[in-house]
Amino acid sequence: MSEAAAAAVEQSLQIRPLQAAEIDAAVALWEAAGLTRPWNDPHQDCRRAMGGPVSEVLTAIVGGQLVGTVMVGHEGHRGWIYYLAVEPSLRGQQIGAQLVAAAEDWLREQNIPKLMLMVREGNDVVASFYDKLGYSRQQVMTFGKFL
């Protein structure tokens, strides 16, 4: 992408909550980014986050098109982000960084002191992205159980 095109993207970028009519577009972006898993229903994940009092799905819109998302929520102390995705052709244009900043701001407005996120083992590109944003690797183990 040329510098002029990148500047146009930056100038027209709008970050706002996801609208119900955009759920399919968000899920398609998540699928394209490799974020979905067969055991999770991403549509249901999206609807739960949109309908919750302590969660939101934020979108990046450029030229009227959904080009990025981040899901953010909290449990009262720790905030979490999920489903950070940017249209592949627009990666490297700071859209992901702006979505993370918007999620951080959303959590600050909720008076949440810490933000956490998970990156799958071996996903070095994404780990490097968060390293550059100033996130540190935590010494924790993650456990899970399907209910």
N, C-alpha and C. Protein backbone atom coordinates (compact mmCIF):
# COMPACT_ATOMS: atom_id res chain seq x y z
N MET A 1 0.85 -1.17 0.00
CA MET A 1 0.00 0.00 0.00
C MET A 1 0.90 1.23 0.00
N SER A 2 0.56 2.21 -0.83
CA SER A 2 1.36 3.43 -0.91
C SER A 2 1.19 4.27 0.35
N GLU A 3 2.11 5.22 0.55
CA GLU A 3 2.00 6.10 1.71
C GLU A 3 0.72 6.92 1.66
N ALA A 4 0.34 7.35 0.45
CA ALA A 4 -0.89 8.14 0.31
C ALA A 4 -2.11 7.30 0.68
N ALA A 5 -2.12 6.05 0.25
CA ALA A 5 -3.24 5.16 0.58
C ALA A 5 -3.29 4.89 2.08
N ALA A 6 -2.11 4.70 2.69
CA ALA A 6 -2.06 4.47 4.13
C ALA A 6 -2.56 5.69 4.89
N ALA A 7 -2.20 6.88 4.43
CA ALA A 7 -2.67 8.12 5.08
C ALA A 7 -4.18 8.25 4.94
N ALA A 8 -4.72 7.85 3.79
CA ALA A 8 -6.17 7.92 3.59
C ALA A 8 -6.89 6.96 4.53
N VAL A 9 -6.31 5.77 4.73
CA VAL A 9 -6.90 4.81 5.67
C VAL A 9 -6.91 5.41 7.07
N GLU A 10 -5.77 5.98 7.48
CA GLU A 10 -5.67 6.54 8.83
C GLU A 10 -6.66 7.68 9.02
N GLN A 11 -6.82 8.54 8.03
CA GLN A 11 -7.73 9.68 8.15
C GLN A 11 -9.19 9.26 8.20
N SER A 12 -9.54 8.19 7.51
CA SER A 12 -10.95 7.80 7.46
C SER A 12 -11.32 6.75 8.50
N LEU A 13 -10.36 6.28 9.29
CA LEU A 13 -10.61 5.23 10.27
C LEU A 13 -11.55 5.72 11.37
N GLN A 14 -12.58 4.94 11.61
CA GLN A 14 -13.52 5.20 12.69
C GLN A 14 -13.60 3.95 13.55
N ILE A 15 -13.52 4.10 14.86
CA ILE A 15 -13.68 2.96 15.76
C ILE A 15 -14.96 3.16 16.54
N ARG A 16 -15.80 2.14 16.49
CA ARG A 16 -17.10 2.21 17.16
C ARG A 16 -17.59 0.81 17.49
N PRO A 17 -18.62 0.70 18.35
CA PRO A 17 -19.17 -0.63 18.66
C PRO A 17 -19.75 -1.30 17.42
N LEU A 18 -19.64 -2.61 17.42
CA LEU A 18 -20.21 -3.44 16.36
C LEU A 18 -21.73 -3.33 16.37
N GLN A 19 -22.31 -3.28 15.21
CA GLN A 19 -23.76 -3.27 15.07
C GLN A 19 -24.23 -4.68 14.72
N ALA A 20 -25.43 -5.01 15.13
CA ALA A 20 -25.96 -6.37 14.93
C ALA A 20 -25.88 -6.80 13.47
N ALA A 21 -26.12 -5.89 12.55
CA ALA A 21 -26.10 -6.22 11.12
C ALA A 21 -24.69 -6.56 10.63
N GLU A 22 -23.67 -6.29 11.44
CA GLU A 22 -22.28 -6.52 11.04
C GLU A 22 -21.68 -7.80 11.62
N ILE A 23 -22.48 -8.57 12.36
CA ILE A 23 -21.94 -9.79 12.99
C ILE A 23 -21.35 -10.73 11.96
N ASP A 24 -22.05 -10.97 10.86
CA ASP A 24 -21.52 -11.90 9.85
C ASP A 24 -20.19 -11.40 9.28
N ALA A 25 -20.07 -10.11 9.06
CA ALA A 25 -18.82 -9.55 8.54
C ALA A 25 -17.70 -9.72 9.56
N ALA A 26 -18.00 -9.52 10.84
CA ALA A 26 -17.00 -9.70 11.89
C ALA A 26 -16.54 -11.15 11.93
N VAL A 27 -17.48 -12.07 11.90
CA VAL A 27 -17.13 -13.50 11.95
C VAL A 27 -16.31 -13.89 10.72
N ALA A 28 -16.67 -13.37 9.56
CA ALA A 28 -15.89 -13.67 8.34
C ALA A 28 -14.45 -13.18 8.50
N LEU A 29 -14.28 -12.01 9.11
CA LEU A 29 -12.94 -11.49 9.35
C LEU A 29 -12.18 -12.39 10.32
N TRP A 30 -12.86 -12.84 11.38
CA TRP A 30 -12.22 -13.73 12.36
C TRP A 30 -11.80 -15.04 11.70
N GLU A 31 -12.66 -15.55 10.81
CA GLU A 31 -12.31 -16.79 10.10
C GLU A 31 -11.11 -16.58 9.19
N ALA A 32 -11.09 -15.45 8.48
CA ALA A 32 -9.97 -15.15 7.58
C ALA A 32 -8.66 -14.99 8.36
N ALA A 33 -8.77 -14.52 9.60
CA ALA A 33 -7.58 -14.31 10.43
C ALA A 33 -7.18 -15.58 11.19
N GLY A 34 -7.96 -16.65 11.06
CA GLY A 34 -7.63 -17.90 11.74
C GLY A 34 -7.93 -17.89 13.22
N LEU A 35 -8.87 -17.06 13.66
CA LEU A 35 -9.18 -16.94 15.09
C LEU A 35 -10.27 -17.89 15.57
N THR A 36 -11.02 -18.44 14.68
CA THR A 36 -12.13 -19.31 15.10
C THR A 36 -11.65 -20.74 15.28
N ARG A 37 -12.40 -21.46 16.09
CA ARG A 37 -12.14 -22.87 16.33
C ARG A 37 -13.45 -23.62 16.22
N PRO A 38 -13.42 -24.88 15.76
CA PRO A 38 -14.66 -25.63 15.54
C PRO A 38 -15.52 -25.78 16.79
N TRP A 39 -14.91 -25.77 17.96
CA TRP A 39 -15.67 -25.99 19.18
C TRP A 39 -16.30 -24.71 19.74
N ASN A 40 -16.02 -23.56 19.14
CA ASN A 40 -16.63 -22.29 19.56
C ASN A 40 -17.54 -21.78 18.45
N ASP A 41 -18.70 -21.29 18.82
CA ASP A 41 -19.58 -20.64 17.85
C ASP A 41 -19.28 -19.14 17.89
N PRO A 42 -18.57 -18.62 16.88
CA PRO A 42 -18.18 -17.22 16.91
C PRO A 42 -19.37 -16.26 16.87
N HIS A 43 -20.46 -16.66 16.20
CA HIS A 43 -21.65 -15.81 16.20
C HIS A 43 -22.20 -15.66 17.61
N GLN A 44 -22.25 -16.77 18.34
CA GLN A 44 -22.74 -16.72 19.71
C GLN A 44 -21.78 -15.94 20.61
N ASP A 45 -20.47 -16.13 20.44
CA ASP A 45 -19.49 -15.35 21.19
C ASP A 45 -19.74 -13.86 20.98
N CYS A 46 -19.97 -13.49 19.73
CA CYS A 46 -20.20 -12.10 19.38
C CYS A 46 -21.48 -11.57 20.04
N ARG A 47 -22.56 -12.30 19.92
CA ARG A 47 -23.84 -11.86 20.51
C ARG A 47 -23.73 -11.74 22.02
N ARG A 48 -23.05 -12.68 22.67
CA ARG A 48 -22.88 -12.60 24.13
C ARG A 48 -22.12 -11.33 24.51
N ALA A 49 -21.05 -11.04 23.82
CA ALA A 49 -20.25 -9.86 24.14
C ALA A 49 -21.02 -8.57 23.88
N MET A 50 -21.78 -8.55 22.80
CA MET A 50 -22.55 -7.34 22.48
C MET A 50 -23.67 -7.11 23.48
N GLY A 51 -24.21 -8.17 24.04
CA GLY A 51 -25.35 -8.04 24.93
C GLY A 51 -24.99 -7.92 26.39
N GLY A 52 -23.72 -8.01 26.71
CA GLY A 52 -23.31 -8.02 28.11
C GLY A 52 -23.05 -6.63 28.66
N PRO A 53 -23.26 -6.45 29.96
CA PRO A 53 -23.00 -5.14 30.57
C PRO A 53 -21.51 -4.87 30.79
N VAL A 54 -20.68 -5.90 30.71
CA VAL A 54 -19.25 -5.73 30.97
C VAL A 54 -18.41 -6.16 29.77
N SER A 55 -18.97 -6.04 28.57
CA SER A 55 -18.23 -6.43 27.37
C SER A 55 -18.73 -5.63 26.17
N GLU A 56 -17.90 -5.64 25.14
CA GLU A 56 -18.23 -4.92 23.91
C GLU A 56 -17.39 -5.49 22.78
N VAL A 57 -17.87 -5.36 21.56
CA VAL A 57 -17.08 -5.65 20.38
C VAL A 57 -16.90 -4.32 19.66
N LEU A 58 -15.65 -3.91 19.52
CA LEU A 58 -15.33 -2.66 18.84
C LEU A 58 -14.89 -2.98 17.42
N THR A 59 -15.22 -2.08 16.51
CA THR A 59 -14.87 -2.29 15.11
C THR A 59 -14.05 -1.13 14.59
N ALA A 60 -13.25 -1.43 13.60
CA ALA A 60 -12.56 -0.41 12.81
C ALA A 60 -13.29 -0.34 11.48
N ILE A 61 -13.72 0.84 11.12
CA ILE A 61 -14.45 1.07 9.87
C ILE A 61 -13.64 2.02 9.01
N VAL A 62 -13.43 1.63 7.76
CA VAL A 62 -12.75 2.49 6.78
C VAL A 62 -13.62 2.52 5.54
N GLY A 63 -13.99 3.70 5.13
CA GLY A 63 -14.82 3.84 3.92
C GLY A 63 -16.13 3.08 4.03
N GLY A 64 -16.69 3.01 5.22
CA GLY A 64 -17.96 2.31 5.42
C GLY A 64 -17.84 0.81 5.55
N GLN A 65 -16.62 0.28 5.45
CA GLN A 65 -16.40 -1.16 5.51
C GLN A 65 -15.76 -1.55 6.84
N LEU A 66 -16.23 -2.67 7.40
CA LEU A 66 -15.63 -3.23 8.60
C LEU A 66 -14.29 -3.85 8.22
N VAL A 67 -13.21 -3.33 8.81
CA VAL A 67 -11.87 -3.82 8.46
C VAL A 67 -11.11 -4.33 9.67
N GLY A 68 -11.71 -4.24 10.87
CA GLY A 68 -11.04 -4.73 12.06
C GLY A 68 -12.00 -4.85 13.22
N THR A 69 -11.63 -5.72 14.17
CA THR A 69 -12.45 -5.90 15.37
C THR A 69 -11.55 -6.17 16.57
N VAL A 70 -12.10 -5.92 17.73
CA VAL A 70 -11.54 -6.40 18.99
C VAL A 70 -12.70 -6.56 19.96
N MET A 71 -12.73 -7.70 20.63
CA MET A 71 -13.72 -7.96 21.67
C MET A 71 -13.05 -7.64 23.00
N VAL A 72 -13.74 -6.90 23.86
CA VAL A 72 -13.19 -6.51 25.15
C VAL A 72 -14.22 -6.75 26.24
N GLY A 73 -13.74 -7.17 27.39
CA GLY A 73 -14.64 -7.40 28.52
C GLY A 73 -13.84 -7.49 29.80
N HIS A 74 -14.56 -7.60 30.91
CA HIS A 74 -13.87 -7.69 32.20
C HIS A 74 -14.73 -8.42 33.23
N GLU A 75 -14.07 -8.80 34.34
CA GLU A 75 -14.76 -9.46 35.45
C GLU A 75 -14.71 -8.61 36.71
N GLY A 76 -14.36 -7.34 36.56
CA GLY A 76 -14.32 -6.44 37.70
C GLY A 76 -12.92 -5.99 38.07
N HIS A 77 -11.92 -6.78 37.73
CA HIS A 77 -10.53 -6.40 38.01
C HIS A 77 -9.66 -6.50 36.75
N ARG A 78 -9.74 -7.63 36.07
CA ARG A 78 -8.94 -7.84 34.87
C ARG A 78 -9.80 -7.72 33.64
N GLY A 79 -9.31 -6.91 32.72
CA GLY A 79 -9.94 -6.85 31.41
C GLY A 79 -9.26 -7.85 30.49
N TRP A 80 -10.00 -8.28 29.49
CA TRP A 80 -9.47 -9.24 28.51
C TRP A 80 -9.83 -8.76 27.12
N ILE A 81 -8.94 -9.01 26.17
CA ILE A 81 -9.29 -8.78 24.78
C ILE A 81 -9.20 -10.10 24.01
N TYR A 82 -10.08 -10.21 23.05
CA TYR A 82 -10.19 -11.39 22.20
C TYR A 82 -10.50 -10.92 20.77
N TYR A 83 -10.38 -11.82 19.85
CA TYR A 83 -10.80 -11.58 18.46
C TYR A 83 -10.26 -10.27 17.88
N LEU A 84 -9.00 -9.95 18.18
CA LEU A 84 -8.38 -8.82 17.50
C LEU A 84 -8.04 -9.28 16.09
N ALA A 85 -8.63 -8.63 15.11
CA ALA A 85 -8.40 -9.02 13.72
C ALA A 85 -8.42 -7.78 12.85
N VAL A 86 -7.59 -7.79 11.83
CA VAL A 86 -7.55 -6.71 10.84
C VAL A 86 -7.55 -7.33 9.46
N GLU A 87 -8.30 -6.73 8.57
CA GLU A 87 -8.33 -7.16 7.17
C GLU A 87 -6.89 -7.36 6.69
N PRO A 88 -6.58 -8.56 6.16
CA PRO A 88 -5.19 -8.85 5.79
C PRO A 88 -4.53 -7.81 4.88
N SER A 89 -5.26 -7.24 3.93
CA SER A 89 -4.66 -6.27 3.02
C SER A 89 -4.34 -4.94 3.70
N LEU A 90 -4.84 -4.73 4.92
CA LEU A 90 -4.61 -3.47 5.63
C LEU A 90 -3.70 -3.62 6.84
N ARG A 91 -3.17 -4.81 7.04
CA ARG A 91 -2.26 -5.01 8.18
C ARG A 91 -1.02 -4.16 8.01
N GLY A 92 -0.45 -3.73 9.12
CA GLY A 92 0.72 -2.87 9.08
C GLY A 92 0.37 -1.40 9.00
N GLN A 93 -0.92 -1.06 9.04
CA GLN A 93 -1.36 0.33 8.94
C GLN A 93 -1.77 0.91 10.30
N GLN A 94 -1.41 0.24 11.39
CA GLN A 94 -1.70 0.67 12.76
C GLN A 94 -3.17 0.50 13.16
N ILE A 95 -3.96 -0.19 12.35
CA ILE A 95 -5.37 -0.40 12.71
C ILE A 95 -5.46 -1.29 13.94
N GLY A 96 -4.67 -2.35 13.99
CA GLY A 96 -4.67 -3.23 15.15
C GLY A 96 -4.26 -2.48 16.41
N ALA A 97 -3.22 -1.66 16.31
CA ALA A 97 -2.77 -0.88 17.46
C ALA A 97 -3.85 0.08 17.93
N GLN A 98 -4.57 0.67 16.99
CA GLN A 98 -5.64 1.60 17.36
C GLN A 98 -6.82 0.86 18.00
N LEU A 99 -7.09 -0.34 17.54
CA LEU A 99 -8.15 -1.14 18.17
C LEU A 99 -7.75 -1.52 19.60
N VAL A 100 -6.49 -1.91 19.80
CA VAL A 100 -6.03 -2.23 21.15
C VAL A 100 -6.13 -1.00 22.04
N ALA A 101 -5.73 0.17 21.54
CA ALA A 101 -5.82 1.40 22.32
C ALA A 101 -7.27 1.71 22.67
N ALA A 102 -8.19 1.47 21.74
CA ALA A 102 -9.61 1.70 22.02
C ALA A 102 -10.13 0.74 23.08
N ALA A 103 -9.67 -0.51 23.04
CA ALA A 103 -10.06 -1.48 24.08
C ALA A 103 -9.50 -1.06 25.44
N GLU A 104 -8.25 -0.59 25.45
CA GLU A 104 -7.66 -0.09 26.69
C GLU A 104 -8.47 1.08 27.24
N ASP A 105 -8.85 2.01 26.37
CA ASP A 105 -9.66 3.17 26.79
C ASP A 105 -11.01 2.71 27.35
N TRP A 106 -11.64 1.73 26.69
CA TRP A 106 -12.93 1.21 27.14
C TRP A 106 -12.78 0.65 28.56
N LEU A 107 -11.71 -0.08 28.80
CA LEU A 107 -11.47 -0.65 30.12
C LEU A 107 -11.18 0.43 31.16
N ARG A 108 -10.42 1.46 30.76
CA ARG A 108 -10.16 2.56 31.69
C ARG A 108 -11.48 3.23 32.10
N GLU A 109 -12.38 3.41 31.14
CA GLU A 109 -13.69 4.00 31.44
C GLU A 109 -14.49 3.14 32.41
N GLN A 110 -14.22 1.83 32.42
CA GLN A 110 -14.88 0.90 33.33
C GLN A 110 -14.12 0.80 34.67
N ASN A 111 -13.02 1.57 34.80
CA ASN A 111 -12.18 1.57 36.00
C ASN A 111 -11.51 0.21 36.24
N ILE A 112 -11.09 -0.43 35.17
CA ILE A 112 -10.42 -1.73 35.24
C ILE A 112 -8.90 -1.49 35.19
N PRO A 113 -8.15 -2.00 36.19
CA PRO A 113 -6.73 -1.67 36.29
C PRO A 113 -5.76 -2.50 35.44
N LYS A 114 -6.18 -3.64 34.91
CA LYS A 114 -5.23 -4.49 34.20
C LYS A 114 -5.90 -5.12 32.97
N LEU A 115 -5.13 -5.23 31.90
CA LEU A 115 -5.60 -5.86 30.68
C LEU A 115 -4.79 -7.12 30.43
N MET A 116 -5.47 -8.20 30.14
CA MET A 116 -4.84 -9.49 29.84
C MET A 116 -5.27 -9.94 28.44
N LEU A 117 -4.48 -10.81 27.86
CA LEU A 117 -4.85 -11.42 26.58
C LEU A 117 -4.08 -12.72 26.44
N MET A 118 -4.55 -13.55 25.56
CA MET A 118 -3.89 -14.82 25.32
C MET A 118 -3.46 -14.89 23.86
N VAL A 119 -2.27 -15.45 23.64
CA VAL A 119 -1.76 -15.69 22.30
C VAL A 119 -1.39 -17.16 22.26
N ARG A 120 -1.85 -17.85 21.24
CA ARG A 120 -1.54 -19.27 21.12
C ARG A 120 -0.05 -19.50 20.95
N GLU A 121 0.46 -20.56 21.58
CA GLU A 121 1.87 -20.95 21.45
C GLU A 121 2.24 -21.02 19.97
N GLY A 122 3.40 -20.51 19.66
CA GLY A 122 3.90 -20.58 18.29
C GLY A 122 3.45 -19.45 17.39
N ASN A 123 2.55 -18.58 17.87
CA ASN A 123 2.08 -17.47 17.05
C ASN A 123 3.01 -16.28 17.29
N ASP A 124 4.22 -16.39 16.76
CA ASP A 124 5.27 -15.42 17.02
C ASP A 124 4.97 -14.04 16.42
N VAL A 125 4.28 -13.99 15.30
CA VAL A 125 3.94 -12.70 14.69
C VAL A 125 3.05 -11.89 15.62
N VAL A 126 2.03 -12.54 16.17
CA VAL A 126 1.12 -11.85 17.08
C VAL A 126 1.82 -11.52 18.39
N ALA A 127 2.63 -12.42 18.91
CA ALA A 127 3.38 -12.15 20.13
C ALA A 127 4.27 -10.92 19.95
N SER A 128 4.91 -10.81 18.82
CA SER A 128 5.77 -9.66 18.52
C SER A 128 4.95 -8.37 18.45
N PHE A 129 3.76 -8.44 17.87
CA PHE A 129 2.86 -7.28 17.80
C PHE A 129 2.60 -6.74 19.21
N TYR A 130 2.23 -7.63 20.14
CA TYR A 130 1.94 -7.19 21.50
C TYR A 130 3.21 -6.74 22.23
N ASP A 131 4.33 -7.38 21.97
CA ASP A 131 5.61 -6.93 22.54
C ASP A 131 5.86 -5.47 22.16
N LYS A 132 5.64 -5.14 20.88
CA LYS A 132 5.87 -3.77 20.40
C LYS A 132 4.91 -2.77 21.01
N LEU A 133 3.74 -3.22 21.44
CA LEU A 133 2.76 -2.33 22.08
C LEU A 133 3.02 -2.16 23.57
N GLY A 134 4.07 -2.82 24.08
CA GLY A 134 4.44 -2.66 25.47
C GLY A 134 3.85 -3.68 26.42
N TYR A 135 3.27 -4.73 25.89
CA TYR A 135 2.72 -5.79 26.75
C TYR A 135 3.87 -6.71 27.16
N SER A 136 3.78 -7.25 28.37
CA SER A 136 4.81 -8.17 28.85
C SER A 136 4.21 -9.56 29.00
N ARG A 137 5.04 -10.54 28.81
CA ARG A 137 4.61 -11.92 28.96
C ARG A 137 4.48 -12.23 30.44
N GLN A 138 3.36 -12.80 30.82
CA GLN A 138 3.06 -13.11 32.20
C GLN A 138 3.44 -14.56 32.50
N GLN A 139 3.85 -14.82 33.71
CA GLN A 139 4.23 -16.16 34.12
C GLN A 139 3.01 -16.85 34.72
N VAL A 140 2.10 -17.26 33.85
CA VAL A 140 0.89 -17.94 34.29
C VAL A 140 0.64 -19.15 33.39
N MET A 141 -0.15 -20.07 33.90
CA MET A 141 -0.63 -21.18 33.09
C MET A 141 -2.12 -20.98 32.91
N THR A 142 -2.63 -21.29 31.76
CA THR A 142 -4.04 -21.17 31.49
C THR A 142 -4.67 -22.55 31.53
N PHE A 143 -5.75 -22.68 32.25
CA PHE A 143 -6.51 -23.93 32.33
C PHE A 143 -7.88 -23.68 31.74
N GLY A 144 -8.51 -24.71 31.22
CA GLY A 144 -9.84 -24.57 30.68
C GLY A 144 -10.63 -25.85 30.81
N LYS A 145 -11.93 -25.69 30.72
CA LYS A 145 -12.84 -26.83 30.79
C LYS A 145 -14.11 -26.46 30.05
N PHE A 146 -14.54 -27.29 29.13
CA PHE A 146 -15.80 -27.05 28.45
C PHE A 146 -16.96 -27.41 29.37
N LEU A 147 -17.95 -26.55 29.44
CA LEU A 147 -19.12 -26.81 30.30
C LEU A 147 -20.31 -27.25 29.49
